[in-house]
Protein backbone atom coordinates (compact mmCIF):
# COMPACT_ATOMS: atom_id res chain seq x y z
CA MET A 1 -8.66 50.22 26.03
CA SER A 2 -11.32 47.36 25.33
CA THR A 3 -14.46 46.90 23.76
CA ASP A 4 -17.31 44.29 24.24
CA ILE A 5 -18.37 42.88 20.50
CA THR A 6 -20.31 40.55 18.93
CA GLN A 7 -19.42 39.66 15.33
CA VAL A 8 -20.19 36.99 12.64
CA LEU A 9 -16.93 36.44 10.66
CA ARG A 10 -17.04 36.88 6.92
CA ILE A 11 -14.22 37.17 4.53
CA GLY A 12 -15.58 39.97 2.25
CA ASP A 13 -13.04 41.40 -0.01
CA GLY A 14 -10.31 39.79 2.15
CA ARG A 15 -8.65 43.16 3.32
CA ASP A 16 -9.39 42.39 7.07
CA TRP A 17 -7.67 39.15 6.72
CA HIS A 18 -3.99 37.67 6.78
CA PHE A 19 -4.10 34.41 4.74
CA VAL A 20 -1.48 31.70 4.91
CA ASN A 21 -1.42 29.33 1.95
CA GLY A 22 -4.35 30.97 -0.04
CA ALA A 23 -6.92 33.46 0.12
CA TRP A 24 -10.41 32.25 1.76
CA GLU A 25 -13.86 33.36 0.47
CA ASP A 26 -17.42 33.52 1.46
CA GLY A 27 -19.37 30.39 0.57
CA ASP A 28 -23.00 29.60 0.66
CA ALA A 29 -24.86 29.39 3.90
CA GLY A 30 -22.11 31.13 6.32
CA VAL A 31 -19.42 28.74 5.17
CA LEU A 32 -15.78 30.07 5.16
CA SER A 33 -14.31 28.29 2.28
CA LEU A 34 -11.09 27.85 0.05
CA PRO A 35 -11.29 27.85 -3.76
CA ALA A 36 -10.66 24.16 -4.92
CA GLU A 37 -7.36 25.04 -6.40
CA TRP A 38 -6.05 25.90 -3.14
CA ALA A 39 -7.18 23.04 -1.09
CA SER A 40 -4.11 20.62 -1.60
CA ALA A 41 -1.54 23.28 -2.67
CA ASP A 42 1.94 23.01 -0.88
CA GLY A 43 2.49 26.51 0.08
CA ALA A 44 4.44 27.30 3.34
CA GLY A 45 4.65 25.28 6.48
CA MET A 46 2.38 22.27 6.79
CA GLN A 47 1.09 20.79 3.51
CA GLY A 48 -2.29 21.67 2.75
CA TYR A 49 -3.04 23.56 6.16
CA HIS A 50 -4.71 26.97 5.52
CA PHE A 51 -5.07 29.57 8.04
CA ALA A 52 -6.93 33.09 7.98
CA PHE A 53 -6.02 35.56 10.72
CA HIS A 54 -8.39 38.42 11.38
CA ARG A 55 -6.24 41.65 11.37
CA HIS A 56 -8.44 43.66 13.71
CA LEU A 57 -9.99 41.18 16.05
CA CYS A 58 -7.71 40.90 19.12
CA LEU A 59 -9.69 39.39 21.92
CA GLY A 60 -9.24 38.56 25.37
CA ASP A 61 -11.91 36.39 27.25
CA GLY A 62 -14.91 35.34 25.23
CA THR A 63 -16.91 33.03 23.51
CA VAL A 64 -16.70 31.50 19.99
CA ARG A 65 -19.74 29.63 18.45
CA PHE A 66 -19.24 27.82 15.08
CA ALA A 67 -20.17 24.48 13.21
CA PHE A 68 -18.04 22.31 11.18
CA ARG A 69 -18.14 18.99 9.47
CA HIS A 70 -15.67 16.32 8.05
CA ASN A 71 -15.70 14.68 4.68
CA GLY A 72 -12.65 12.32 4.73
CA PHE A 73 -9.30 13.06 5.86
CA SER A 74 -9.70 16.63 6.96
CA ASP A 75 -9.00 19.03 10.01
CA VAL A 76 -10.89 22.11 10.98
CA GLY A 77 -10.46 24.66 13.66
CA VAL A 78 -10.41 28.09 15.14
CA VAL A 79 -7.23 30.17 16.04
CA LEU A 80 -7.16 31.65 19.43
CA ARG A 81 -4.88 34.57 20.80
CA ALA A 82 -2.64 34.74 17.70
CA GLN A 83 0.47 36.92 18.25
CA ASP A 84 1.36 36.56 14.57
CA ALA A 85 1.11 33.92 11.79
CA SER A 86 3.37 31.62 13.68
CA HIS A 87 2.51 32.15 17.31
CA PHE A 88 -0.97 31.10 18.27
CA THR A 89 -3.24 28.54 20.13
CA LEU A 90 -5.21 26.49 17.79
CA LEU A 91 -8.64 24.26 18.86
CA HIS A 92 -9.03 21.79 16.18
CA PHE A 93 -10.94 18.65 15.23
CA PRO A 94 -8.55 16.25 13.34
CA TYR A 95 -10.29 13.46 11.41
CA ILE A 96 -8.65 10.44 9.57
CA GLY A 97 -10.10 7.53 7.65
CA GLN A 98 -10.04 5.21 10.79
CA ALA A 99 -12.11 7.73 12.65
CA ASN A 100 -15.02 6.75 10.60
CA ASN A 101 -14.31 3.03 10.69
CA THR A 102 -14.04 3.09 14.51
CA GLN A 103 -16.56 5.98 15.59
CA ASN A 104 -13.78 7.85 17.21
CA PHE A 105 -14.26 11.56 17.46
CA TRP A 106 -11.05 13.58 18.44
CA ALA A 107 -10.40 17.10 19.61
CA ALA A 108 -7.03 18.77 20.08
CA LEU A 109 -5.62 21.93 21.53
CA SER A 110 -2.15 22.72 19.96
CA ARG A 111 0.13 25.83 19.89
CA MET A 112 2.16 27.05 16.91
CA ASP A 113 5.66 28.44 17.77
CA ASP A 114 8.51 29.75 15.70
CA THR A 115 9.68 26.12 14.81
CA GLY A 116 6.74 26.03 12.52
CA HIS A 117 5.56 22.83 14.35
CA LEU A 118 2.33 22.35 16.39
CA ARG A 119 2.79 21.49 19.97
CA LEU A 120 0.07 19.42 21.33
CA ILE A 121 -1.25 20.49 24.58
CA LYS A 122 -4.08 18.13 24.82
CA LEU A 123 -5.62 15.44 22.48
CA ASP A 124 -8.81 13.61 23.62
CA LEU A 125 -11.33 11.19 22.48
CA ILE A 126 -14.60 12.88 22.59
CA ARG A 127 -17.30 10.68 23.90
CA ARG A 128 -21.07 10.98 23.05
CA GLU A 129 -20.60 12.58 19.69
CA PRO A 130 -20.80 10.81 16.31
CA ALA A 131 -17.74 10.62 14.15
CA ASN A 132 -19.45 9.94 10.80
CA ARG A 133 -18.74 12.01 7.77
CA GLU A 134 -20.93 14.91 6.56
CA ILE A 135 -22.54 15.68 10.12
CA TRP A 136 -22.62 19.30 11.14
CA HIS A 137 -21.21 19.43 14.64
CA ALA A 138 -22.08 22.72 16.72
CA VAL A 139 -19.39 23.93 18.78
CA ALA A 140 -19.36 26.52 21.64
CA LEU A 141 -15.99 27.41 23.10
CA THR A 142 -15.58 29.82 26.09
CA LEU A 143 -12.13 31.22 26.95
CA ARG A 144 -11.44 32.60 30.38
CA GLY A 145 -7.83 33.36 31.31
CA GLY A 146 -6.06 30.07 30.58
CA LYS A 147 -9.25 27.81 30.86
CA LEU A 148 -10.85 26.62 27.88
CA HIS A 149 -14.12 24.77 27.79
CA VAL A 150 -15.79 23.49 24.55
CA ARG A 151 -19.26 21.85 24.04
CA ILE A 152 -19.54 19.84 21.00
CA GLY A 153 -23.00 19.01 19.92
CA ASN A 154 -25.54 18.16 22.83
CA HIS A 155 -23.10 16.04 24.92
CA GLY A 156 -19.53 16.12 23.77
CA LEU A 157 -17.09 18.02 26.17
CA PHE A 158 -13.32 19.22 25.89
CA ALA A 159 -11.95 21.23 28.41
CA VAL A 160 -8.28 22.24 29.04
CA GLU A 161 -6.41 24.53 31.35
CA ASP A 162 -3.20 26.17 30.14
CA GLU A 163 -1.84 28.96 32.01
CA THR A 164 0.99 29.53 29.43
CA MET A 165 -1.58 30.81 26.95
CA PRO A 166 -1.24 34.51 26.06
CA ARG A 167 -4.34 36.52 27.50
CA ILE A 168 -4.97 38.51 24.39
CA GLY A 169 -4.53 37.87 20.82
CA PHE A 170 -5.92 37.73 17.36
CA ILE A 171 -8.79 35.27 16.03
CA GLY A 172 -8.77 33.12 13.13
CA VAL A 173 -9.84 29.84 11.29
CA CYS A 174 -7.99 26.82 9.98
CA GLN A 175 -8.86 24.08 7.57
CA PHE A 176 -7.28 21.05 6.23
CA ASN A 177 -8.59 19.19 3.07
CA ALA A 178 -12.10 18.23 3.18
CA GLY A 179 -13.25 19.97 5.99
CA SER A 180 -15.80 22.97 6.40
CA ILE A 181 -16.53 25.58 8.97
CA ARG A 182 -19.41 28.03 9.12
CA ASP A 183 -21.30 30.56 11.18
CA VAL A 184 -18.35 31.62 13.12
CA THR A 185 -19.64 33.97 15.80
CA ILE A 186 -17.36 35.96 18.26
CA GLU A 187 -18.62 37.35 21.52
CA GLY A 188 -16.12 38.94 23.77
CA THR A 189 -13.84 41.74 24.62
CA ARG A 190 -11.68 43.28 22.03
CA ALA A 191 -8.35 44.88 22.79
CA ASP A 192 -8.25 47.96 21.01
CA GLY A 193 -5.00 49.32 19.70
CA ALA A 194 -3.52 46.03 18.95
CA ILE A 195 -1.48 45.78 15.70
CA TRP A 196 -1.15 42.65 13.74
CA ASP A 197 2.34 41.84 12.70
CA GLU A 198 2.48 41.11 8.81
CA SER A 199 6.22 40.32 8.74
CA VAL A 200 6.19 36.66 10.52
CA ALA A 201 5.79 33.80 8.32
CA GLN A 202 5.32 30.14 9.11
CA PRO A 203 8.82 28.46 8.44
CA THR A 204 9.01 25.35 6.17
CA ASN A 205 10.85 22.54 7.48
CA TRP A 206 10.51 19.84 4.90
CA PHE A 207 12.36 19.28 1.64
CA HIS A 208 11.99 16.84 -1.45
CA PRO A 209 14.79 14.46 -1.38
CA CYS A 210 14.10 13.33 -5.08
CA PRO A 211 12.46 16.47 -6.73
CA ASN A 212 11.45 14.53 -9.93
CA ALA A 213 8.84 16.79 -11.58
CA ALA A 214 7.60 14.00 -13.80
CA ALA A 215 6.62 11.73 -10.81
CA ARG A 216 2.88 11.77 -9.50
CA TRP A 217 3.34 10.07 -6.33
CA GLN A 218 6.52 8.78 -4.45
CA MET A 219 5.99 6.22 -1.55
CA PRO A 220 9.20 5.76 0.59
CA ALA A 221 9.75 2.13 2.03
CA ASP A 222 13.11 1.76 3.52
CA LEU A 223 16.20 3.90 4.77
CA ALA A 224 19.36 1.81 5.32
CA HIS A 225 22.26 3.23 6.74
CA LEU A 226 25.67 1.26 5.57
CA PRO A 227 28.62 0.55 7.74
CA ASP A 228 30.53 3.09 5.70
CA GLY A 229 28.02 5.82 6.35
CA GLU A 230 26.15 5.73 3.01
CA LEU A 231 22.49 6.09 3.14
CA LEU A 232 20.21 3.96 0.60
CA LEU A 233 16.47 5.05 0.23
CA THR A 234 13.97 2.66 -1.60
CA PHE A 235 10.66 3.96 -2.86
CA ALA A 236 7.87 3.32 -5.29
CA GLU A 237 7.10 5.99 -7.87
CA ARG A 238 3.78 6.18 -9.73
CA GLN A 239 3.68 8.38 -12.78
CA LEU A 240 0.39 7.59 -14.43
CA GLU A 241 -3.07 7.15 -12.50
CA HIS A 242 -3.63 3.70 -11.84
CA GLY A 243 -0.32 2.55 -13.47
CA ALA A 244 1.95 0.11 -11.76
CA PRO A 245 4.51 1.85 -9.76
CA SER A 246 8.38 1.95 -10.38
CA ARG A 247 10.67 0.46 -7.63
CA LEU A 248 13.60 2.91 -7.20
CA MET A 249 16.64 3.64 -4.95
CA THR A 250 18.54 6.88 -4.33
CA ARG A 251 21.81 7.25 -2.38
CA SER A 252 23.34 9.96 0.02
CA THR A 253 26.80 10.11 1.19
CA ASP A 254 26.53 13.51 3.15
CA GLY A 255 24.02 12.25 5.93
CA GLY A 256 20.89 12.71 3.86
CA ARG A 257 21.43 16.30 2.91
CA THR A 258 21.59 15.70 -0.81
CA TRP A 259 20.64 12.46 -3.07
CA THR A 260 21.50 11.05 -6.21
CA GLU A 261 19.30 10.57 -9.23
CA SER A 262 17.03 7.80 -8.65
CA GLU A 263 18.13 4.46 -10.15
CA ALA A 264 15.98 1.23 -10.59
CA LEU A 265 15.91 -0.97 -7.57
CA LEU A 266 17.73 -4.29 -8.79
CA MET A 267 17.09 -6.50 -5.81
CA PRO A 268 15.21 -9.75 -6.48
CA MET A 269 11.37 -9.70 -5.72
CA ARG A 270 11.77 -6.00 -5.51
CA ASP A 271 7.77 -5.55 -5.51
CA ALA A 272 7.55 -7.22 -2.17
CA SER A 273 11.12 -7.02 -0.65
CA ARG A 274 12.33 -4.99 2.26
CA LEU A 275 15.77 -3.67 2.73
CA HIS A 276 17.90 -3.83 6.10
CA VAL A 277 21.32 -3.81 7.20
CA THR A 278 21.77 -6.65 9.76
CA PRO A 279 23.55 -6.53 12.94
CA ARG A 280 26.78 -7.84 11.28
CA GLY A 281 26.55 -5.03 8.62
CA ARG A 282 24.95 -7.25 5.89
CA LEU A 283 22.62 -5.68 3.38
CA LEU A 284 19.51 -8.12 3.52
CA THR A 285 16.17 -8.29 1.63
CA VAL A 286 13.06 -10.30 2.78
CA ALA A 287 10.04 -10.99 1.15
CA HIS A 288 6.70 -13.04 1.39
CA THR A 289 5.88 -14.43 -2.05
CA GLU A 290 3.42 -17.09 -3.29
CA ASP A 291 6.41 -19.64 -2.82
CA GLY A 292 6.82 -18.67 0.87
CA TRP A 293 9.51 -16.31 2.65
CA VAL A 294 12.52 -15.77 0.64
CA SER A 295 15.66 -13.59 1.32
CA SER A 296 18.49 -12.03 -0.80
CA VAL A 297 22.00 -10.51 0.10
CA SER A 298 24.20 -7.69 -1.39
CA ARG A 299 27.84 -7.30 -0.89
CA ASP A 300 28.21 -4.27 -2.92
CA ALA A 301 25.79 -1.85 -1.45
CA ALA A 302 22.64 -3.07 -3.48
CA ARG A 303 24.40 -2.95 -6.99
CA THR A 304 24.08 -6.60 -7.29
CA TRP A 305 22.21 -9.22 -5.44
CA SER A 306 22.49 -13.23 -4.66
CA ALA A 307 19.76 -15.28 -6.07
CA PRO A 308 16.81 -15.49 -3.74
CA GLN A 309 16.77 -18.14 -1.16
CA PRO A 310 13.97 -19.72 1.00
CA LEU A 311 14.01 -18.09 4.42
CA PRO A 312 13.95 -20.95 6.83
CA ILE A 313 11.36 -19.84 9.37
CA GLY A 314 10.02 -22.35 12.03
CA THR A 315 6.43 -23.16 12.48
CA VAL A 316 4.21 -20.90 10.67
CA PRO A 317 0.69 -20.29 12.28
CA GLU A 318 -2.08 -22.32 10.44
CA GLY A 319 -5.17 -20.49 8.82
CA PHE A 320 -3.39 -17.42 7.32
CA ASP A 321 -3.28 -17.04 3.61
CA ARG A 322 -1.88 -13.49 3.19
CA TRP A 323 0.87 -12.03 5.14
CA TYR A 324 1.98 -8.44 5.20
CA PHE A 325 4.76 -6.18 6.33
CA GLY A 326 4.24 -3.04 8.44
CA PRO A 327 6.58 0.14 7.60
CA GLN A 328 8.95 -1.51 10.05
CA CYS A 329 9.64 -5.16 9.90
CA LEU A 330 13.12 -5.79 11.01
CA LEU A 331 14.81 -4.70 14.27
CA ASN A 332 18.46 -5.19 15.19
CA LEU A 333 19.13 -6.14 18.93
CA ALA A 334 22.07 -5.59 21.07
CA ASP A 335 23.16 -9.18 21.46
CA GLY A 336 23.17 -9.50 17.75
CA GLY A 337 19.67 -11.10 17.46
CA LEU A 338 17.48 -9.73 14.72
CA LEU A 339 13.62 -9.61 14.82
CA LEU A 340 11.28 -9.82 11.93
CA PHE A 341 7.64 -8.47 12.31
CA ALA A 342 4.64 -9.20 10.09
CA TYR A 343 1.07 -9.50 10.29
CA ALA A 344 -1.86 -11.51 8.74
CA GLN A 345 -5.65 -11.17 8.16
CA ALA A 346 -7.61 -13.64 10.54
CA SER A 347 -11.11 -12.83 8.69
CA HIS A 348 -11.40 -15.16 5.85
CA GLU A 349 -14.78 -14.21 4.72
CA GLN A 350 -15.21 -10.98 2.80
CA VAL A 351 -15.84 -7.99 5.16
CA ASN A 352 -16.05 -4.26 5.08
CA VAL A 353 -13.42 -2.54 7.25
CA ARG A 354 -15.96 0.17 7.92
CA GLN A 355 -18.27 -2.09 9.62
CA TRP A 356 -16.98 -1.81 13.35
CA GLY A 357 -15.32 -5.09 14.51
CA ALA A 358 -15.70 -6.84 11.10
CA LEU A 359 -12.03 -7.16 9.94
CA HIS A 360 -9.65 -9.21 12.29
CA ALA A 361 -5.77 -9.38 12.07
CA GLN A 362 -3.10 -10.67 14.06
CA ALA A 363 0.49 -9.63 14.40
CA PHE A 364 3.65 -11.79 14.90
CA CYS A 365 7.35 -11.81 15.38
CA CYS A 366 10.11 -14.32 14.91
CA ARG A 367 13.82 -14.01 15.70
CA SER A 368 16.98 -14.92 14.15
CA ALA A 369 20.23 -15.60 16.27
CA ASP A 370 22.56 -16.09 13.35
CA ASP A 371 22.12 -12.71 11.20
CA GLY A 372 19.19 -13.78 9.31
CA ASP A 373 20.23 -17.16 8.12
CA THR A 374 17.59 -19.11 10.02
CA TRP A 375 14.66 -18.14 12.18
CA SER A 376 12.47 -19.21 15.15
CA ASP A 377 8.76 -19.97 15.06
CA TRP A 378 6.39 -17.06 14.78
CA ALA A 379 5.23 -15.68 18.12
CA ASN A 380 2.10 -13.52 18.50
CA ILE A 381 2.50 -10.12 19.57
CA ASP A 382 -0.26 -10.62 21.97
CA ASN A 383 0.39 -14.38 22.88
CA SER A 384 -1.77 -14.39 25.69
CA ALA A 385 -2.05 -18.07 25.58
CA HIS A 386 1.49 -18.35 27.29
CA LEU A 387 -0.08 -16.87 30.41
CA GLY A 388 -1.60 -20.22 31.01
CA VAL A 389 -5.31 -18.88 31.47
CA ALA A 390 -7.73 -21.36 30.25
CA GLY A 391 -9.60 -20.10 27.15
CA GLN A 392 -7.57 -17.07 26.74
CA GLN A 393 -7.58 -15.76 23.10
CA ASP A 394 -5.07 -13.66 21.32
CA ASN A 395 -5.86 -10.14 20.32
CA LEU A 396 -7.67 -9.82 16.82
CA ASP A 397 -6.98 -6.13 16.45
CA LEU A 398 -3.35 -6.09 15.65
CA THR A 399 -1.88 -5.07 12.30
CA GLU A 400 1.32 -3.09 11.62
CA THR A 401 3.94 -3.09 14.41
CA CYS A 402 6.80 -1.03 15.25
CA ALA A 403 9.41 -1.83 17.81
CA VAL A 404 12.62 -0.70 19.65
CA GLN A 405 15.02 -2.19 22.19
CA THR A 406 15.34 -0.29 25.45
CA GLY A 407 18.31 0.49 27.54
CA ASP A 408 17.76 -2.60 29.75
CA GLY A 409 17.34 -4.94 27.05
CA ALA A 410 13.54 -5.35 26.93
CA ILE A 411 11.70 -4.93 23.52
CA LEU A 412 8.69 -2.41 23.28
CA SER A 413 6.26 -2.79 20.49
CA LEU A 414 3.54 -0.43 19.49
CA THR A 415 1.07 -1.91 16.96
CA ARG A 416 -1.55 -0.25 14.79
CA PRO A 417 -5.19 -1.06 15.69
CA VAL A 418 -8.07 -1.73 13.23
CA TYR A 419 -10.75 -0.49 15.54
CA SER A 420 -9.13 0.31 19.05
CA PRO A 421 -8.76 4.18 19.82
CA TRP A 422 -5.48 3.50 21.03
CA MET A 423 -2.44 1.86 19.58
CA TRP A 424 -1.55 -1.49 21.28
CA GLU A 425 1.41 -1.77 23.31
CA SER A 426 3.19 -5.19 24.05
CA TRP A 427 6.67 -5.95 25.67
CA SER A 428 9.14 -8.88 25.44
CA ASN A 429 11.54 -9.65 28.06
CA ASP A 430 13.10 -12.50 26.46
CA GLY A 431 14.35 -11.25 23.23
CA GLY A 432 11.29 -11.43 21.09
CA GLN A 433 10.66 -14.97 21.96
CA THR A 434 7.25 -14.27 24.01
CA TRP A 435 5.31 -11.22 23.98
CA GLY A 436 2.35 -9.71 25.78
CA PRO A 437 -0.32 -9.52 27.10
CA CYS A 438 -1.15 -6.65 24.96
CA MET A 439 -2.69 -3.43 26.60
CA PRO A 440 -3.94 0.04 25.23
CA GLY A 441 -0.91 1.94 24.58
CA PRO A 442 0.15 5.55 25.61
CA PHE A 443 -1.46 7.41 22.51
CA PRO A 444 -3.51 6.89 19.50
CA GLY A 445 -1.77 6.38 16.10
CA TYR A 446 -1.76 4.90 12.83
CA ALA A 447 0.87 4.18 9.82
CA THR A 448 4.06 4.55 11.93
CA PRO A 449 7.41 4.42 10.55
CA ASN A 450 10.18 2.45 12.29
CA MET A 451 10.66 3.57 16.03
CA LEU A 452 14.14 4.63 17.07
CA ARG A 453 16.22 4.89 20.29
CA THR A 454 18.68 7.77 19.80
CA THR A 455 22.27 7.93 21.20
CA SER A 456 20.99 9.52 24.28
CA GLY A 457 18.34 6.79 24.95
CA ARG A 458 15.21 8.81 23.75
CA LEU A 459 12.65 6.75 21.92
CA VAL A 460 10.81 8.45 19.00
CA VAL A 461 8.18 7.50 16.77
CA ALA A 462 5.65 9.17 14.30
CA HIS A 463 1.96 8.50 13.49
CA ARG A 464 -0.73 10.25 11.93
CA LEU A 465 -3.14 11.80 14.56
CA PRO A 466 -3.85 14.78 14.82
CA GLY A 467 -1.48 15.05 11.70
CA LEU A 468 1.92 13.77 11.02
CA THR A 469 2.87 13.55 14.92
CA MET A 470 5.87 12.78 16.46
CA GLN A 471 6.11 11.34 20.10
CA MET A 472 9.12 11.20 22.36
CA SER A 473 10.10 9.29 25.21
CA PRO A 474 12.77 10.39 27.67
CA ASP A 475 12.77 7.26 29.71
CA ASP A 476 12.47 4.22 27.47
CA GLY A 477 8.85 4.22 26.94
CA ARG A 478 7.74 4.66 30.63
CA THR A 479 6.42 8.36 29.86
CA TRP A 480 5.77 10.14 26.48
CA ASP A 481 5.43 13.74 25.60
CA THR A 482 2.02 15.05 24.35
CA GLY A 483 3.43 15.13 20.70
CA THR A 484 4.60 17.38 18.10
CA MET A 485 2.84 17.77 14.84
CA ILE A 486 5.59 18.52 12.15
CA ASP A 487 3.35 18.15 8.88
CA SER A 488 -0.04 17.18 7.67
CA SER A 489 -0.83 13.66 7.46
CA ILE A 490 -3.29 11.72 4.97
CA TRP A 491 -0.66 8.92 4.65
CA ALA A 492 2.39 9.43 6.89
CA MET A 493 4.35 6.10 7.19
CA GLY A 494 7.76 6.16 5.70
CA CYS A 495 11.20 5.63 7.39
CA MET A 496 13.68 7.18 10.00
CA VAL A 497 17.36 6.93 10.68
CA GLU A 498 19.67 8.57 13.29
CA VAL A 499 22.22 10.47 11.04
CA GLU A 500 24.21 11.94 13.96
CA PRO A 501 23.72 11.62 17.78
CA ASP A 502 20.12 12.54 18.47
CA ARG A 503 19.63 14.02 15.06
CA VAL A 504 17.25 12.10 12.99
CA LEU A 505 16.16 12.17 9.45
CA TYR A 506 12.52 11.20 8.54
CA VAL A 507 11.45 10.38 4.93
CA TYR A 508 7.55 10.17 4.71
CA TYR A 509 4.77 10.14 2.35
CA ASP A 510 3.25 13.56 1.45
CA SER A 511 -0.60 14.24 1.78
CA PHE A 512 -1.81 14.62 -1.63
CA GLU A 513 -0.01 11.72 -3.64
CA SER A 514 2.86 13.85 -5.02
CA LEU A 515 6.69 13.89 -4.01
CA MET A 516 7.85 12.30 -0.87
CA ARG A 517 9.15 14.62 1.92
CA ALA A 518 11.96 14.53 4.51
CA GLN A 519 12.56 16.62 7.56
CA PHE A 520 15.72 16.57 9.95
CA PHE A 521 14.93 17.01 13.54
CA HIS A 522 16.76 16.97 17.08
CA VAL A 523 15.57 14.78 19.76
CA THR A 524 16.17 16.68 22.94
CA ALA A 525 15.10 16.32 26.51
CA ARG A 526 12.32 18.84 25.85
CA GLY A 527 11.14 17.21 22.65
CA ILE A 528 11.37 17.52 18.91
CA THR A 529 12.89 20.63 17.27
CA PRO A 530 13.47 21.08 13.54
CA CYS A 531 16.96 20.87 12.06
CA PRO A 532 17.77 22.59 8.81
CA ARG A 533 19.56 20.57 6.29
CA ALA A 534 22.51 23.06 6.33
CA GLU A 535 23.07 21.97 10.01
CA VAL A 536 23.70 18.49 9.26
CA SER A 537 27.56 17.79 9.43
CA HIS A 538 29.14 15.08 7.44
CA ASP A 539 32.63 13.69 8.30
């Protein structure tokens, strides 16, 4: 049987609700809210994501009206047609810092399954709706069969057709960090007799590689895979608010399942250095200091280091005072070459990044043919000037670059924008000597780790929209999947390594300035799937 209903959602005493990661409560003015102590709690599943499922509202077709707002990094949404706490569809509105800077408003439809990951069905840039903080956005969602139509404010539209969506299921709400939702009103057909399954829980796929309870915030930097199989993980650890971070390292000899107690990072210029294993198996660091580019080498797995030596790079572009590395700065090539990536700010006056278009930056690459001893001139990642077009200028919206070499030898780079809604994509067909022109890339994203090409030739990279989202390409970057959100993401970044064929370890920043996290996952033809630590073999 079915019943037509109209109901405003209220938490009341909570007995009608199934909560994941903390009980909700009724706030002022129709707000459904979380107590402050629950807002950033780890809990199960994805860090800081809180769900409330109504045990008695199992709906088919209908309309959901509500209002929401963002205040900083946040995500807010409504749960649709849930079968249990780990099988549901989620309409949500992710918001990261760059959304405010760039005036980009995003909407997403995702589905959680028994992996504990959110599979993106659609992520779309919504035009004609402001992305500023502290604005209440009115939403009217209509669901008919597998068709979802959403109106946001007066003019914003989001529509999805997904015939795989269940035809009935329970309603709920979702919140991450500094978001708010209010006035949730349901109009539709209730499926009477449906019973909520209390027994199903969202799985937890992450673990802490260095669970040091004294640490306030761990920030992973580099993950090096030595020729003998040992893994080295470098990271910064801040224990006191506003205090200088310690630079540390930990080791693993079993493919990343377990790690040693952290030790001081002894390499020279450790506050600025980046760690990398070269094509010939040398352990190298590079850094940019007040005295220029320097490097150092270790022959005993980072226990001792040579004295820093100037890094002989060719012509350096003029007019750039400060240079930066992104989460990935070095890439080995199949021919034994080595690429170095960096970016520099091109705005010399004091600017506010939140003023659209104010900050300018350019990204560069140089190449070594002798395992890092000498280097070419810097080449602009856009490098439009090499096309020979009179007056053509290079892209000024390029910052952190990640890159991978494809099966045919070409090099694909994805570069984090300052203001573009999409990552910038650029290719090199001559081993990194020339690049570009840049073009809008296949998906939006910020703060990527290193991009990988697995043994089976699949590309994988992570970024932080709508959360900590993995994208996979089965065909060397020609096409990409819609994305898999594996955790929440205020920071993301971090580093990845393939520990076994098509099995990847990713170590990343957490969302709330605490212990760094790690996950293992398989990269399959169907996408990303989690891999428990116990399944990682070690020869």
